[in-house]
């Protein structure tokens, strides 16, 4: 396995959406660097570890609609 992978590869590896990977990066839960072509790269091991720690889906107790 490569050490640094693209966001798309991380999404496939973790079986999550690319949006979820971007949110992890924005929330500082996942480290990111940019390559020479300005592509975002994340640590593969960290993405897999984080995918096991964070459950998929909407958190319980959050309403789906506004009252």
C-alpha atoms as a PDB file:
ATOM      1  CA  UNK A   1       0.000   0.000   0.000  1.00  0.00           C
ATOM      2  CA  UNK A   2       1.233   3.488  -0.828  1.00  0.00           C
ATOM      3  CA  UNK A   3       1.924   5.763   2.129  1.00  0.00           C
ATOM      4  CA  UNK A   4       0.165   8.826   0.646  1.00  0.00           C
ATOM      5  CA  UNK A   5      -3.001   8.408  -1.444  1.00  0.00           C
ATOM      6  CA  UNK A   6      -5.432  10.755  -3.184  1.00  0.00           C
ATOM      7  CA  UNK A   7      -8.795  11.682  -1.695  1.00  0.00           C
ATOM      8  CA  UNK A   8     -10.532   9.510  -4.306  1.00  0.00           C
ATOM      9  CA  UNK A   9      -8.348   6.512  -3.407  1.00  0.00           C
ATOM     10  CA  UNK A  10      -8.992   7.136   0.302  1.00  0.00           C
ATOM     11  CA  UNK A  11     -12.748   7.165  -0.342  1.00  0.00           C
ATOM     12  CA  UNK A  12     -12.563   3.824  -2.136  1.00  0.00           C
ATOM     13  CA  UNK A  13     -10.253   2.325   0.496  1.00  0.00           C
ATOM     14  CA  UNK A  14     -12.442   3.376   3.425  1.00  0.00           C
ATOM     15  CA  UNK A  15     -15.779   2.833   1.609  1.00  0.00           C
ATOM     16  CA  UNK A  16     -16.794   6.420   2.398  1.00  0.00           C
ATOM     17  CA  UNK A  17     -17.655   9.352   0.161  1.00  0.00           C
ATOM     18  CA  UNK A  18     -15.072  11.841  -1.065  1.00  0.00           C
ATOM     19  CA  UNK A  19     -17.081  14.494   0.818  1.00  0.00           C
ATOM     20  CA  UNK A  20     -16.502  12.547   4.068  1.00  0.00           C
ATOM     21  CA  UNK A  21     -12.750  12.522   3.418  1.00  0.00           C
ATOM     22  CA  UNK A  22     -12.779  16.289   2.732  1.00  0.00           C
ATOM     23  CA  UNK A  23     -14.742  16.855   5.965  1.00  0.00           C
ATOM     24  CA  UNK A  24     -12.168  14.849   7.937  1.00  0.00           C
ATOM     25  CA  UNK A  25      -9.445  17.038   6.433  1.00  0.00           C
ATOM     26  CA  UNK A  26     -11.374  20.242   7.241  1.00  0.00           C
ATOM     27  CA  UNK A  27     -11.984  19.041  10.822  1.00  0.00           C
ATOM     28  CA  UNK A  28      -8.229  18.353  11.206  1.00  0.00           C
ATOM     29  CA  UNK A  29      -8.920  14.659  11.807  1.00  0.00           C
ATOM     30  CA  UNK A  30      -6.870  13.641   8.790  1.00  0.00           C
ATOM     31  CA  UNK A  31      -3.483  15.026   7.723  1.00  0.00           C
ATOM     32  CA  UNK A  32      -3.160  16.331   4.182  1.00  0.00           C
ATOM     33  CA  UNK A  33      -0.368  17.497   1.900  1.00  0.00           C
ATOM     34  CA  UNK A  34      -0.375  18.703  -1.686  1.00  0.00           C
ATOM     35  CA  UNK A  35       1.783  17.162  -4.382  1.00  0.00           C
ATOM     36  CA  UNK A  36       3.573  18.967  -7.210  1.00  0.00           C
ATOM     37  CA  UNK A  37       0.341  18.954  -9.281  1.00  0.00           C
ATOM     38  CA  UNK A  38      -1.558  20.494  -6.325  1.00  0.00           C
ATOM     39  CA  UNK A  39      -3.527  17.299  -5.630  1.00  0.00           C
ATOM     40  CA  UNK A  40      -4.518  16.613  -2.026  1.00  0.00           C
ATOM     41  CA  UNK A  41      -2.862  13.523  -0.549  1.00  0.00           C
ATOM     42  CA  UNK A  42      -3.721  11.861   2.765  1.00  0.00           C
ATOM     43  CA  UNK A  43      -1.974   9.196   4.819  1.00  0.00           C
ATOM     44  CA  UNK A  44      -3.455   5.828   3.874  1.00  0.00           C
ATOM     45  CA  UNK A  45      -3.011   4.269   7.331  1.00  0.00           C
ATOM     46  CA  UNK A  46      -4.590   7.276   9.038  1.00  0.00           C
ATOM     47  CA  UNK A  47      -7.610   7.172   6.704  1.00  0.00           C
ATOM     48  CA  UNK A  48      -8.193   3.472   7.428  1.00  0.00           C
ATOM     49  CA  UNK A  49      -7.760   3.985  11.177  1.00  0.00           C
ATOM     50  CA  UNK A  50     -10.149   6.931  11.183  1.00  0.00           C
ATOM     51  CA  UNK A  51     -12.766   5.054   9.148  1.00  0.00           C
ATOM     52  CA  UNK A  52     -12.881   2.394  11.884  1.00  0.00           C
ATOM     53  CA  UNK A  53     -13.210   5.000  14.641  1.00  0.00           C
ATOM     54  CA  UNK A  54     -15.998   7.073  13.052  1.00  0.00           C
ATOM     55  CA  UNK A  55     -19.310   5.368  12.418  1.00  0.00           C
ATOM     56  CA  UNK A  56     -20.960   6.097   9.080  1.00  0.00           C
ATOM     57  CA  UNK A  57     -24.254   7.932   8.849  1.00  0.00           C
ATOM     58  CA  UNK A  58     -26.001  10.687  10.742  1.00  0.00           C
ATOM     59  CA  UNK A  59     -25.366  10.836  14.506  1.00  0.00           C
ATOM     60  CA  UNK A  60     -28.274   9.679  16.655  1.00  0.00           C
ATOM     61  CA  UNK A  61     -30.468  12.358  18.147  1.00  0.00           C
ATOM     62  CA  UNK A  62     -30.000  14.831  15.312  1.00  0.00           C
ATOM     63  CA  UNK A  63     -33.316  15.797  13.711  1.00  0.00           C
ATOM     64  CA  UNK A  64     -33.643  15.251   9.992  1.00  0.00           C
ATOM     65  CA  UNK A  65     -35.866  18.298   9.587  1.00  0.00           C
ATOM     66  CA  UNK A  66     -36.225  21.630  11.222  1.00  0.00           C
ATOM     67  CA  UNK A  67     -39.329  22.060  13.425  1.00  0.00           C
END
